[in-house]
Amino acid sequence: MPPTPHRAQCLVSLNQLRHIIAVNFPLVAFLIGITGHPRLFI
């Protein structure tokens, strides 16, 4: 079953989303650590 263009587009956007999360995660973790809400990780 060949991948459809829609599926490829979803894969690309998922890749970009993963990259954005990977880049911003340290900043988000830092802010959460400052504000003191560790239960957001659970």
Protein backbone atom coordinates (compact mmCIF):
# COMPACT_ATOMS: atom_id res chain seq x y z
CA MET A 1 0.00 0.00 0.00
CA PRO A 2 1.79 3.14 -1.21
CA PRO A 3 1.66 6.14 1.11
CA THR A 4 -0.86 8.74 0.03
CA PRO A 5 0.14 12.43 -0.22
CA HIS A 6 -2.11 13.13 2.74
CA ARG A 7 -0.27 10.55 4.82
CA ALA A 8 3.08 12.00 3.79
CA GLN A 9 1.87 15.49 4.70
CA CYS A 10 0.78 14.25 8.13
CA LEU A 11 4.17 12.62 8.62
CA VAL A 12 5.97 15.85 7.75
CA SER A 13 3.85 17.94 10.10
CA LEU A 14 4.37 15.34 12.83
CA ASN A 15 8.11 15.55 12.26
CA GLN A 16 8.02 19.34 12.49
CA LEU A 17 5.92 19.15 15.64
CA ARG A 18 8.38 16.72 17.19
CA HIS A 19 11.26 19.05 16.30
CA ILE A 20 9.45 22.05 17.81
CA ILE A 21 8.73 20.10 21.00
CA ALA A 22 12.35 18.94 21.21
CA VAL A 23 13.57 22.52 20.84
CA ASN A 24 11.09 24.07 23.27
CA PHE A 25 10.96 21.30 25.88
CA PRO A 26 13.95 22.56 27.93
CA LEU A 27 12.40 26.03 28.04
CA VAL A 28 9.00 24.66 29.06
CA ALA A 29 10.58 22.42 31.71
CA PHE A 30 12.55 25.42 33.00
CA LEU A 31 9.43 27.58 33.26
CA ILE A 32 7.45 24.81 34.96
CA GLY A 33 10.34 24.29 37.38
CA ILE A 34 10.31 28.01 38.22
CA THR A 35 6.55 28.23 38.71
CA GLY A 36 6.63 25.02 40.76
CA HIS A 37 4.02 22.82 39.09
CA PRO A 38 5.72 19.43 38.76
CA ARG A 39 2.35 17.65 38.68
CA LEU A 40 1.83 18.98 35.14
CA PHE A 41 4.33 16.34 34.01
CA ILE A 42 2.26 13.51 35.44
